[in-house]
Amino acid sequence: YRSNMFVEIVISLCLYFVRGYYPNLMMSKLTNEELLGNRMVHILGIEILTLMVSELLSIMKESGKNFVSYISDLLSRCKLQKSLLHCLLASVYNQGRNAPAINNNNNSSKTAAVKLTEMIIDFNENSLDPSVNDTFQMKLLQLMLVMIMLEDQIYLAQGLPDTSSSSGERAHLTSSLLNVHYNA
């Protein structure tokens, strides 16, 4: 980390914490409190990333093209977008996998072919209250929203072609997305 900036190190550390799970060693004596604590670390890492990206967004609006280029390079070096998309995909996949199945025809074949990664996820998430996993997904989606806004600002500052039809439509979409609330 000798040549890295402080922001890059904090982003990388938060990504490590968000993606960290206890291994399933079959003889592990972890309590539910420890597993819940690990999930809270995941949520806290996402909240820190959301605050950092929000601050970068506000700073970037006031600065020049050089800073925007630096932030773009920083995000690609940290692989922030890729990591967050993988986390979101895994979270949605696990939520759907743990949902009650409509057809019970393939239950015996499903239990026989459980992968190591699925065992680790099950070990870390199945004993937790579902609202904790829902909170994780909500925080992750909020971070994704701020990331999309940051990427849009990068595209605008770099003069890349915009995919939306008008800036008024984009502003309306952004304000409507910020007011979305999850109701259980």
N, C-alpha and C. Protein backbone atom coordinates (compact mmCIF):
# COMPACT_ATOMS: atom_id res chain seq x y z
N TYR A 1 0.81 -1.20 0.00
CA TYR A 1 0.00 0.00 0.00
C TYR A 1 0.85 1.26 0.00
N ARG A 2 2.09 1.14 -0.37
CA ARG A 2 2.99 2.28 -0.28
C ARG A 2 2.59 3.41 -1.23
N SER A 3 2.16 3.09 -2.43
CA SER A 3 1.85 4.14 -3.40
C SER A 3 0.35 4.44 -3.48
N ASN A 4 -0.44 3.87 -2.60
CA ASN A 4 -1.88 4.07 -2.64
C ASN A 4 -2.27 5.26 -1.77
N MET A 5 -3.35 5.92 -2.18
CA MET A 5 -3.89 7.01 -1.40
C MET A 5 -4.77 6.44 -0.28
N PHE A 6 -5.00 7.26 0.74
CA PHE A 6 -5.80 6.85 1.88
C PHE A 6 -7.20 6.43 1.47
N VAL A 7 -7.79 7.14 0.52
CA VAL A 7 -9.15 6.83 0.07
C VAL A 7 -9.19 5.43 -0.54
N GLU A 8 -8.18 5.11 -1.34
CA GLU A 8 -8.13 3.79 -1.97
C GLU A 8 -7.98 2.68 -0.94
N ILE A 9 -7.21 2.91 0.09
CA ILE A 9 -7.02 1.91 1.14
C ILE A 9 -8.32 1.70 1.91
N VAL A 10 -9.01 2.77 2.25
CA VAL A 10 -10.27 2.64 2.99
C VAL A 10 -11.32 1.92 2.15
N ILE A 11 -11.40 2.24 0.86
CA ILE A 11 -12.35 1.56 -0.02
C ILE A 11 -12.03 0.08 -0.09
N SER A 12 -10.75 -0.25 -0.26
CA SER A 12 -10.36 -1.67 -0.34
C SER A 12 -10.66 -2.41 0.96
N LEU A 13 -10.37 -1.79 2.10
CA LEU A 13 -10.65 -2.43 3.38
C LEU A 13 -12.14 -2.64 3.59
N CYS A 14 -12.94 -1.66 3.23
CA CYS A 14 -14.40 -1.81 3.36
C CYS A 14 -14.90 -2.95 2.47
N LEU A 15 -14.35 -3.06 1.27
CA LEU A 15 -14.75 -4.16 0.39
C LEU A 15 -14.35 -5.51 0.98
N TYR A 16 -13.18 -5.58 1.61
CA TYR A 16 -12.77 -6.83 2.27
C TYR A 16 -13.75 -7.18 3.39
N PHE A 17 -14.14 -6.18 4.18
CA PHE A 17 -15.06 -6.43 5.28
C PHE A 17 -16.45 -6.83 4.79
N VAL A 18 -16.90 -6.20 3.71
CA VAL A 18 -18.23 -6.52 3.16
C VAL A 18 -18.27 -7.95 2.64
N ARG A 19 -17.16 -8.42 2.10
CA ARG A 19 -17.14 -9.76 1.50
C ARG A 19 -16.60 -10.83 2.44
N GLY A 20 -16.38 -10.51 3.71
CA GLY A 20 -15.80 -11.45 4.66
C GLY A 20 -16.83 -12.36 5.32
N TYR A 21 -16.56 -13.65 5.32
CA TYR A 21 -17.43 -14.64 5.95
C TYR A 21 -16.59 -15.58 6.81
N TYR A 22 -17.23 -16.14 7.83
CA TYR A 22 -16.57 -17.17 8.61
C TYR A 22 -16.58 -18.47 7.80
N PRO A 23 -15.46 -19.20 7.81
CA PRO A 23 -15.48 -20.49 7.10
C PRO A 23 -16.30 -21.51 7.89
N ASN A 24 -16.90 -22.42 7.18
CA ASN A 24 -17.68 -23.48 7.81
C ASN A 24 -16.74 -24.66 8.04
N LEU A 25 -16.25 -24.82 9.25
CA LEU A 25 -15.28 -25.87 9.55
C LEU A 25 -15.93 -27.10 10.16
N MET A 26 -17.25 -27.17 10.15
CA MET A 26 -18.05 -28.28 10.65
C MET A 26 -17.90 -28.51 12.16
N MET A 27 -16.89 -27.95 12.78
CA MET A 27 -16.76 -28.10 14.23
C MET A 27 -16.66 -26.73 14.89
N SER A 28 -17.03 -25.71 14.14
CA SER A 28 -16.95 -24.35 14.63
C SER A 28 -18.00 -24.13 15.72
N LYS A 29 -17.60 -23.46 16.76
CA LYS A 29 -18.49 -23.17 17.88
C LYS A 29 -18.88 -21.70 17.90
N LEU A 30 -19.18 -21.16 16.73
CA LEU A 30 -19.58 -19.75 16.66
C LEU A 30 -21.02 -19.60 17.13
N THR A 31 -21.24 -18.54 17.87
CA THR A 31 -22.60 -18.27 18.36
C THR A 31 -23.34 -17.39 17.36
N ASN A 32 -24.64 -17.29 17.55
CA ASN A 32 -25.44 -16.42 16.69
C ASN A 32 -25.03 -14.96 16.85
N GLU A 33 -24.57 -14.59 18.04
CA GLU A 33 -24.12 -13.22 18.26
C GLU A 33 -22.89 -12.91 17.42
N GLU A 34 -21.98 -13.86 17.29
CA GLU A 34 -20.78 -13.66 16.47
C GLU A 34 -21.14 -13.57 14.99
N LEU A 35 -22.07 -14.40 14.55
CA LEU A 35 -22.51 -14.35 13.15
C LEU A 35 -23.26 -13.04 12.88
N LEU A 36 -24.08 -12.61 13.83
CA LEU A 36 -24.78 -11.34 13.69
C LEU A 36 -23.78 -10.18 13.68
N GLY A 37 -22.77 -10.27 14.51
CA GLY A 37 -21.72 -9.25 14.52
C GLY A 37 -21.00 -9.15 13.18
N ASN A 38 -20.76 -10.29 12.55
CA ASN A 38 -20.13 -10.29 11.23
C ASN A 38 -21.03 -9.62 10.20
N ARG A 39 -22.33 -9.88 10.27
CA ARG A 39 -23.27 -9.25 9.34
C ARG A 39 -23.33 -7.75 9.60
N MET A 40 -23.24 -7.34 10.88
CA MET A 40 -23.23 -5.92 11.19
C MET A 40 -21.97 -5.24 10.65
N VAL A 41 -20.86 -5.96 10.64
CA VAL A 41 -19.63 -5.44 10.03
C VAL A 41 -19.85 -5.25 8.53
N HIS A 42 -20.54 -6.19 7.89
CA HIS A 42 -20.88 -6.05 6.46
C HIS A 42 -21.68 -4.77 6.24
N ILE A 43 -22.70 -4.57 7.07
CA ILE A 43 -23.58 -3.41 6.92
C ILE A 43 -22.81 -2.11 7.19
N LEU A 44 -21.97 -2.12 8.20
CA LEU A 44 -21.18 -0.93 8.52
C LEU A 44 -20.21 -0.61 7.38
N GLY A 45 -19.59 -1.62 6.79
CA GLY A 45 -18.70 -1.40 5.65
C GLY A 45 -19.44 -0.77 4.49
N ILE A 46 -20.66 -1.22 4.24
CA ILE A 46 -21.47 -0.64 3.16
C ILE A 46 -21.85 0.80 3.48
N GLU A 47 -22.18 1.08 4.74
CA GLU A 47 -22.54 2.45 5.12
C GLU A 47 -21.35 3.39 4.96
N ILE A 48 -20.16 2.92 5.33
CA ILE A 48 -18.95 3.75 5.16
C ILE A 48 -18.70 4.01 3.69
N LEU A 49 -18.83 2.98 2.86
CA LEU A 49 -18.65 3.16 1.42
C LEU A 49 -19.68 4.13 0.86
N THR A 50 -20.92 4.04 1.33
CA THR A 50 -21.97 4.95 0.85
C THR A 50 -21.62 6.39 1.20
N LEU A 51 -21.17 6.62 2.42
CA LEU A 51 -20.77 7.98 2.81
C LEU A 51 -19.59 8.48 2.00
N MET A 52 -18.61 7.61 1.79
CA MET A 52 -17.43 8.02 1.02
C MET A 52 -17.79 8.35 -0.42
N VAL A 53 -18.59 7.50 -1.05
CA VAL A 53 -18.96 7.74 -2.43
C VAL A 53 -19.83 8.99 -2.54
N SER A 54 -20.70 9.22 -1.56
CA SER A 54 -21.52 10.44 -1.55
C SER A 54 -20.64 11.68 -1.45
N GLU A 55 -19.64 11.63 -0.59
CA GLU A 55 -18.72 12.77 -0.45
C GLU A 55 -17.89 12.96 -1.72
N LEU A 56 -17.44 11.87 -2.32
CA LEU A 56 -16.70 11.98 -3.58
C LEU A 56 -17.59 12.60 -4.66
N LEU A 57 -18.86 12.26 -4.66
CA LEU A 57 -19.79 12.81 -5.62
C LEU A 57 -19.93 14.31 -5.45
N SER A 58 -20.09 14.76 -4.21
CA SER A 58 -20.25 16.20 -3.99
C SER A 58 -18.95 16.95 -4.28
N ILE A 59 -17.80 16.36 -3.97
CA ILE A 59 -16.52 17.01 -4.26
C ILE A 59 -16.29 17.06 -5.77
N MET A 60 -16.66 15.98 -6.44
CA MET A 60 -16.43 15.90 -7.88
C MET A 60 -17.25 16.92 -8.65
N LYS A 61 -18.42 17.26 -8.16
CA LYS A 61 -19.26 18.25 -8.84
C LYS A 61 -18.60 19.62 -8.85
N GLU A 62 -17.74 19.89 -7.86
CA GLU A 62 -17.11 21.20 -7.73
C GLU A 62 -15.70 21.24 -8.30
N SER A 63 -15.15 20.13 -8.71
CA SER A 63 -13.76 20.10 -9.16
C SER A 63 -13.66 19.92 -10.67
N GLY A 64 -12.42 19.90 -11.15
CA GLY A 64 -12.18 19.84 -12.58
C GLY A 64 -12.04 18.43 -13.12
N LYS A 65 -11.69 18.38 -14.40
CA LYS A 65 -11.60 17.10 -15.10
C LYS A 65 -10.49 16.20 -14.55
N ASN A 66 -9.41 16.79 -14.04
CA ASN A 66 -8.31 15.97 -13.53
C ASN A 66 -8.74 15.14 -12.33
N PHE A 67 -9.49 15.75 -11.44
CA PHE A 67 -9.97 15.02 -10.26
C PHE A 67 -10.97 13.94 -10.67
N VAL A 68 -11.82 14.25 -11.63
CA VAL A 68 -12.78 13.27 -12.13
C VAL A 68 -12.05 12.09 -12.73
N SER A 69 -11.01 12.37 -13.48
CA SER A 69 -10.21 11.29 -14.08
C SER A 69 -9.54 10.45 -12.99
N TYR A 70 -9.05 11.12 -11.94
CA TYR A 70 -8.43 10.39 -10.83
C TYR A 70 -9.44 9.47 -10.15
N ILE A 71 -10.65 9.97 -9.89
CA ILE A 71 -11.69 9.17 -9.24
C ILE A 71 -12.08 7.99 -10.13
N SER A 72 -12.18 8.22 -11.41
CA SER A 72 -12.50 7.14 -12.34
C SER A 72 -11.42 6.05 -12.29
N ASP A 73 -10.15 6.47 -12.30
CA ASP A 73 -9.06 5.50 -12.20
C ASP A 73 -9.06 4.79 -10.85
N LEU A 74 -9.36 5.53 -9.79
CA LEU A 74 -9.42 4.95 -8.45
C LEU A 74 -10.48 3.86 -8.37
N LEU A 75 -11.65 4.13 -8.92
CA LEU A 75 -12.73 3.14 -8.89
C LEU A 75 -12.36 1.89 -9.69
N SER A 76 -11.68 2.08 -10.80
CA SER A 76 -11.30 0.91 -11.59
C SER A 76 -10.18 0.13 -10.91
N ARG A 77 -9.26 0.80 -10.22
CA ARG A 77 -8.20 0.08 -9.49
C ARG A 77 -8.76 -0.72 -8.33
N CYS A 78 -9.72 -0.12 -7.62
CA CYS A 78 -10.32 -0.81 -6.47
C CYS A 78 -11.33 -1.87 -6.91
N LYS A 79 -11.77 -1.80 -8.15
CA LYS A 79 -12.80 -2.70 -8.68
C LYS A 79 -14.07 -2.61 -7.84
N LEU A 80 -14.42 -1.38 -7.47
CA LEU A 80 -15.57 -1.16 -6.60
C LEU A 80 -16.87 -1.58 -7.27
N GLN A 81 -17.07 -1.17 -8.51
CA GLN A 81 -18.32 -1.52 -9.19
C GLN A 81 -18.47 -3.03 -9.34
N LYS A 82 -17.39 -3.68 -9.74
CA LYS A 82 -17.42 -5.13 -9.95
C LYS A 82 -17.71 -5.86 -8.64
N SER A 83 -17.05 -5.45 -7.58
CA SER A 83 -17.25 -6.10 -6.28
C SER A 83 -18.67 -5.90 -5.76
N LEU A 84 -19.19 -4.69 -5.92
CA LEU A 84 -20.55 -4.42 -5.44
C LEU A 84 -21.58 -5.19 -6.25
N LEU A 85 -21.37 -5.28 -7.55
CA LEU A 85 -22.31 -6.06 -8.37
C LEU A 85 -22.27 -7.53 -8.00
N HIS A 86 -21.09 -8.05 -7.71
CA HIS A 86 -20.98 -9.45 -7.27
C HIS A 86 -21.68 -9.65 -5.93
N CYS A 87 -21.51 -8.71 -5.00
CA CYS A 87 -22.19 -8.80 -3.70
C CYS A 87 -23.69 -8.76 -3.87
N LEU A 88 -24.17 -7.87 -4.71
CA LEU A 88 -25.60 -7.76 -4.94
C LEU A 88 -26.15 -9.02 -5.60
N LEU A 89 -25.44 -9.52 -6.58
CA LEU A 89 -25.87 -10.74 -7.26
C LEU A 89 -25.92 -11.92 -6.29
N ALA A 90 -24.88 -12.06 -5.46
CA ALA A 90 -24.84 -13.16 -4.49
C ALA A 90 -25.95 -13.02 -3.46
N SER A 91 -26.21 -11.80 -3.03
CA SER A 91 -27.25 -11.57 -2.03
C SER A 91 -28.63 -11.92 -2.59
N VAL A 92 -28.89 -11.49 -3.81
CA VAL A 92 -30.19 -11.79 -4.42
C VAL A 92 -30.31 -13.28 -4.68
N TYR A 93 -29.23 -13.91 -5.15
CA TYR A 93 -29.24 -15.35 -5.41
C TYR A 93 -29.52 -16.13 -4.12
N ASN A 94 -28.84 -15.75 -3.03
CA ASN A 94 -29.04 -16.46 -1.77
C ASN A 94 -30.43 -16.24 -1.21
N GLN A 95 -30.97 -15.05 -1.39
CA GLN A 95 -32.33 -14.77 -0.93
C GLN A 95 -33.33 -15.63 -1.70
N GLY A 96 -33.13 -15.75 -3.00
CA GLY A 96 -34.01 -16.57 -3.81
C GLY A 96 -33.84 -18.05 -3.56
N ARG A 97 -32.62 -18.45 -3.27
CA ARG A 97 -32.34 -19.86 -3.00
C ARG A 97 -32.94 -20.30 -1.68
N ASN A 98 -33.00 -19.39 -0.73
CA ASN A 98 -33.55 -19.72 0.59
C ASN A 98 -35.05 -19.54 0.67
N ALA A 99 -35.65 -18.98 -0.38
CA ALA A 99 -37.10 -18.80 -0.39
C ALA A 99 -37.77 -20.15 -0.55
N PRO A 100 -38.96 -20.30 0.00
CA PRO A 100 -39.66 -21.58 -0.14
C PRO A 100 -39.95 -21.88 -1.60
N ALA A 101 -39.68 -23.12 -1.99
CA ALA A 101 -39.87 -23.52 -3.38
C ALA A 101 -41.34 -23.84 -3.65
N ILE A 102 -41.78 -23.52 -4.85
CA ILE A 102 -43.15 -23.83 -5.25
C ILE A 102 -43.25 -25.31 -5.61
N ASN A 103 -42.28 -25.79 -6.36
CA ASN A 103 -42.23 -27.21 -6.72
C ASN A 103 -41.27 -27.93 -5.81
N ASN A 104 -41.67 -28.97 -5.17
CA ASN A 104 -40.80 -29.74 -4.30
C ASN A 104 -40.29 -31.00 -4.99
N ASN A 105 -40.28 -31.01 -6.31
CA ASN A 105 -39.86 -32.20 -7.05
C ASN A 105 -38.36 -32.42 -6.97
N ASN A 106 -37.56 -31.34 -6.92
CA ASN A 106 -36.11 -31.47 -7.00
C ASN A 106 -35.42 -31.30 -5.66
N ASN A 107 -36.11 -31.45 -4.55
CA ASN A 107 -35.49 -31.23 -3.24
C ASN A 107 -34.38 -32.22 -2.95
N SER A 108 -34.53 -33.47 -3.31
CA SER A 108 -33.49 -34.45 -3.03
C SER A 108 -32.25 -34.21 -3.86
N SER A 109 -32.39 -33.78 -5.10
CA SER A 109 -31.21 -33.51 -5.93
C SER A 109 -30.54 -32.21 -5.51
N LYS A 110 -31.29 -31.26 -4.97
CA LYS A 110 -30.70 -30.00 -4.51
C LYS A 110 -29.80 -30.22 -3.30
N THR A 111 -30.23 -31.02 -2.35
CA THR A 111 -29.45 -31.21 -1.14
C THR A 111 -28.21 -32.04 -1.39
N ALA A 112 -28.21 -32.86 -2.39
CA ALA A 112 -27.05 -33.71 -2.67
C ALA A 112 -25.91 -32.93 -3.31
N ALA A 113 -26.21 -31.88 -4.05
CA ALA A 113 -25.19 -31.16 -4.79
C ALA A 113 -24.94 -29.77 -4.22
N VAL A 114 -24.74 -29.66 -2.92
CA VAL A 114 -24.47 -28.38 -2.29
C VAL A 114 -22.98 -28.08 -2.43
N LYS A 115 -22.67 -26.88 -2.91
CA LYS A 115 -21.29 -26.48 -3.12
C LYS A 115 -20.70 -25.93 -1.83
N LEU A 116 -19.38 -25.88 -1.78
CA LEU A 116 -18.68 -25.39 -0.60
C LEU A 116 -19.06 -23.94 -0.31
N THR A 117 -19.11 -23.11 -1.35
CA THR A 117 -19.46 -21.70 -1.12
C THR A 117 -20.87 -21.55 -0.59
N GLU A 118 -21.79 -22.40 -1.07
CA GLU A 118 -23.16 -22.35 -0.57
C GLU A 118 -23.22 -22.80 0.88
N MET A 119 -22.38 -23.76 1.26
CA MET A 119 -22.34 -24.20 2.66
C MET A 119 -21.84 -23.07 3.56
N ILE A 120 -20.85 -22.32 3.09
CA ILE A 120 -20.31 -21.21 3.89
C ILE A 120 -21.36 -20.12 4.05
N ILE A 121 -22.07 -19.80 2.96
CA ILE A 121 -23.13 -18.79 3.03
C ILE A 121 -24.25 -19.25 3.95
N ASP A 122 -24.65 -20.52 3.82
CA ASP A 122 -25.70 -21.05 4.70
C ASP A 122 -25.29 -20.98 6.16
N PHE A 123 -24.04 -21.33 6.43
CA PHE A 123 -23.53 -21.30 7.80
C PHE A 123 -23.58 -19.88 8.37
N ASN A 124 -23.28 -18.88 7.54
CA ASN A 124 -23.21 -17.51 8.01
C ASN A 124 -24.55 -16.79 8.02
N GLU A 125 -25.51 -17.22 7.19
CA GLU A 125 -26.73 -16.43 7.04
C GLU A 125 -28.01 -17.12 7.50
N ASN A 126 -28.08 -18.43 7.46
CA ASN A 126 -29.35 -19.09 7.73
C ASN A 126 -29.83 -18.97 9.16
N SER A 127 -28.92 -18.83 10.11
CA SER A 127 -29.34 -18.72 11.50
C SER A 127 -29.72 -17.29 11.89
N LEU A 128 -29.50 -16.35 10.99
CA LEU A 128 -29.80 -14.95 11.28
C LEU A 128 -31.25 -14.64 10.99
N ASP A 129 -31.73 -13.59 11.64
CA ASP A 129 -33.07 -13.10 11.39
C ASP A 129 -33.13 -12.59 9.94
N PRO A 130 -34.16 -12.92 9.18
CA PRO A 130 -34.26 -12.46 7.79
C PRO A 130 -34.23 -10.94 7.64
N SER A 131 -34.65 -10.22 8.65
CA SER A 131 -34.64 -8.76 8.55
C SER A 131 -33.21 -8.22 8.48
N VAL A 132 -32.25 -8.93 9.05
CA VAL A 132 -30.84 -8.51 8.98
C VAL A 132 -30.35 -8.62 7.54
N ASN A 133 -30.70 -9.71 6.87
CA ASN A 133 -30.31 -9.87 5.48
C ASN A 133 -31.03 -8.87 4.59
N ASP A 134 -32.28 -8.54 4.92
CA ASP A 134 -33.01 -7.52 4.17
C ASP A 134 -32.35 -6.15 4.35
N THR A 135 -31.91 -5.85 5.55
CA THR A 135 -31.22 -4.59 5.82
C THR A 135 -29.93 -4.52 5.01
N PHE A 136 -29.20 -5.63 4.95
CA PHE A 136 -27.98 -5.68 4.16
C PHE A 136 -28.28 -5.38 2.69
N GLN A 137 -29.33 -5.99 2.16
CA GLN A 137 -29.68 -5.75 0.76
C GLN A 137 -30.11 -4.30 0.53
N MET A 138 -30.86 -3.73 1.46
CA MET A 138 -31.29 -2.33 1.31
C MET A 138 -30.09 -1.39 1.30
N LYS A 139 -29.16 -1.60 2.23
CA LYS A 139 -27.96 -0.76 2.29
C LYS A 139 -27.12 -0.93 1.03
N LEU A 140 -27.05 -2.15 0.53
CA LEU A 140 -26.30 -2.42 -0.68
C LEU A 140 -26.94 -1.72 -1.88
N LEU A 141 -28.26 -1.73 -1.95
CA LEU A 141 -28.95 -1.04 -3.04
C LEU A 141 -28.79 0.48 -2.94
N GLN A 142 -28.76 1.01 -1.72
CA GLN A 142 -28.52 2.45 -1.56
C GLN A 142 -27.12 2.81 -2.04
N LEU A 143 -26.15 1.95 -1.73
CA LEU A 143 -24.79 2.18 -2.21
C LEU A 143 -24.73 2.11 -3.73
N MET A 144 -25.46 1.16 -4.31
CA MET A 144 -25.49 1.04 -5.76
C MET A 144 -26.09 2.30 -6.39
N LEU A 145 -27.11 2.87 -5.77
CA LEU A 145 -27.72 4.10 -6.27
C LEU A 145 -26.71 5.24 -6.27
N VAL A 146 -25.96 5.38 -5.19
CA VAL A 146 -24.96 6.45 -5.11
C VAL A 146 -23.84 6.19 -6.12
N MET A 147 -23.49 4.92 -6.32
CA MET A 147 -22.46 4.59 -7.31
C MET A 147 -22.93 4.95 -8.72
N ILE A 148 -24.17 4.68 -9.03
CA ILE A 148 -24.71 5.02 -10.35
C ILE A 148 -24.69 6.54 -10.54
N MET A 149 -25.04 7.28 -9.49
CA MET A 149 -25.00 8.74 -9.57
C MET A 149 -23.57 9.22 -9.77
N LEU A 150 -22.60 8.59 -9.10
CA LEU A 150 -21.19 8.96 -9.26
C LEU A 150 -20.71 8.66 -10.68
N GLU A 151 -21.07 7.50 -11.19
CA GLU A 151 -20.67 7.16 -12.56
C GLU A 151 -21.31 8.10 -13.57
N ASP A 152 -22.54 8.51 -13.33
CA ASP A 152 -23.19 9.46 -14.21
C ASP A 152 -22.45 10.80 -14.20
N GLN A 153 -22.03 11.21 -13.02
CA GLN A 153 -21.29 12.47 -12.91
C GLN A 153 -19.94 12.36 -13.61
N ILE A 154 -19.31 11.20 -13.53
CA ILE A 154 -18.03 10.98 -14.24
C ILE A 154 -18.25 11.08 -15.74
N TYR A 155 -19.31 10.45 -16.24
CA TYR A 155 -19.60 10.50 -17.67
C TYR A 155 -19.89 11.93 -18.13
N LEU A 156 -20.62 12.66 -17.32
CA LEU A 156 -20.93 14.05 -17.67
C LEU A 156 -19.67 14.91 -17.68
N ALA A 157 -18.80 14.74 -16.71
CA ALA A 157 -17.60 15.55 -16.61
C ALA A 157 -16.58 15.21 -17.70
N GLN A 158 -16.55 13.94 -18.08
CA GLN A 158 -15.60 13.54 -19.12
C GLN A 158 -16.15 13.78 -20.52
N GLY A 159 -17.41 14.17 -20.61
CA GLY A 159 -17.99 14.47 -21.91
C GLY A 159 -18.36 13.23 -22.71
N LEU A 160 -18.54 12.09 -22.03
CA LEU A 160 -18.93 10.88 -22.72
C LEU A 160 -20.41 10.97 -23.08
N PRO A 161 -20.83 10.29 -24.13
CA PRO A 161 -22.25 10.37 -24.51
C PRO A 161 -23.14 9.81 -23.43
N ASP A 162 -24.22 10.52 -23.17
CA ASP A 162 -25.18 10.14 -22.13
C ASP A 162 -26.25 9.26 -22.75
N THR A 163 -26.70 8.26 -22.01
CA THR A 163 -27.69 7.33 -22.55
C THR A 163 -29.11 7.78 -22.29
N SER A 164 -29.34 8.68 -21.34
CA SER A 164 -30.71 9.12 -21.08
C SER A 164 -31.08 10.24 -22.05
N SER A 165 -32.37 10.44 -22.24
CA SER A 165 -32.83 11.37 -23.27
C SER A 165 -32.70 12.83 -22.86
N SER A 166 -32.91 13.15 -21.59
CA SER A 166 -32.82 14.54 -21.18
C SER A 166 -32.37 14.62 -19.73
N SER A 167 -31.80 15.78 -19.37
CA SER A 167 -31.33 15.95 -18.00
C SER A 167 -32.50 16.06 -17.03
N GLY A 168 -33.64 16.61 -17.47
CA GLY A 168 -34.81 16.70 -16.61
C GLY A 168 -35.34 15.33 -16.24
N GLU A 169 -35.33 14.43 -17.21
CA GLU A 169 -35.77 13.05 -16.95
C GLU A 169 -34.83 12.37 -15.96
N ARG A 170 -33.52 12.62 -16.10
CA ARG A 170 -32.53 12.03 -15.20
C ARG A 170 -32.70 12.58 -13.79
N ALA A 171 -32.94 13.87 -13.65
CA ALA A 171 -33.12 14.47 -12.33
C ALA A 171 -34.37 13.93 -11.66
N HIS A 172 -35.45 13.75 -12.42
CA HIS A 172 -36.68 13.20 -11.86
C HIS A 172 -36.45 11.76 -11.40
N LEU A 173 -35.73 10.97 -12.19
CA LEU A 173 -35.45 9.59 -11.84
C LEU A 173 -34.60 9.52 -10.57
N THR A 174 -33.58 10.38 -10.49
CA THR A 174 -32.71 10.38 -9.32
C THR A 174 -33.48 10.75 -8.07
N SER A 175 -34.32 11.79 -8.15
CA SER A 175 -35.07 12.19 -6.95
C SER A 175 -36.10 11.14 -6.56
N SER A 176 -36.67 10.46 -7.54
CA SER A 176 -37.66 9.43 -7.19
C SER A 176 -36.97 8.21 -6.59
N LEU A 177 -35.78 7.89 -7.03
CA LEU A 177 -35.06 6.75 -6.46
C LEU A 177 -34.60 7.02 -5.03
N LEU A 178 -34.30 8.27 -4.73
CA LEU A 178 -33.87 8.59 -3.37
C LEU A 178 -35.02 8.49 -2.37
N ASN A 179 -36.24 8.54 -2.83
CA ASN A 179 -37.39 8.48 -1.93
C ASN A 179 -37.98 7.09 -1.82
N VAL A 180 -37.33 6.09 -2.37
CA VAL A 180 -37.83 4.72 -2.31
C VAL A 180 -37.58 4.17 -0.91
N HIS A 181 -38.60 3.57 -0.33
CA HIS A 181 -38.48 2.96 0.99
C HIS A 181 -38.97 1.52 0.91
N TYR A 182 -38.36 0.68 1.68
CA TYR A 182 -38.73 -0.73 1.71
C TYR A 182 -39.76 -0.95 2.79
N ASN A 183 -40.87 -1.56 2.46
CA ASN A 183 -41.91 -1.90 3.43
C ASN A 183 -42.06 -3.40 3.47
N ALA A 184 -41.89 -3.97 4.64
CA ALA A 184 -41.98 -5.42 4.77
C ALA A 184 -43.41 -5.87 4.93
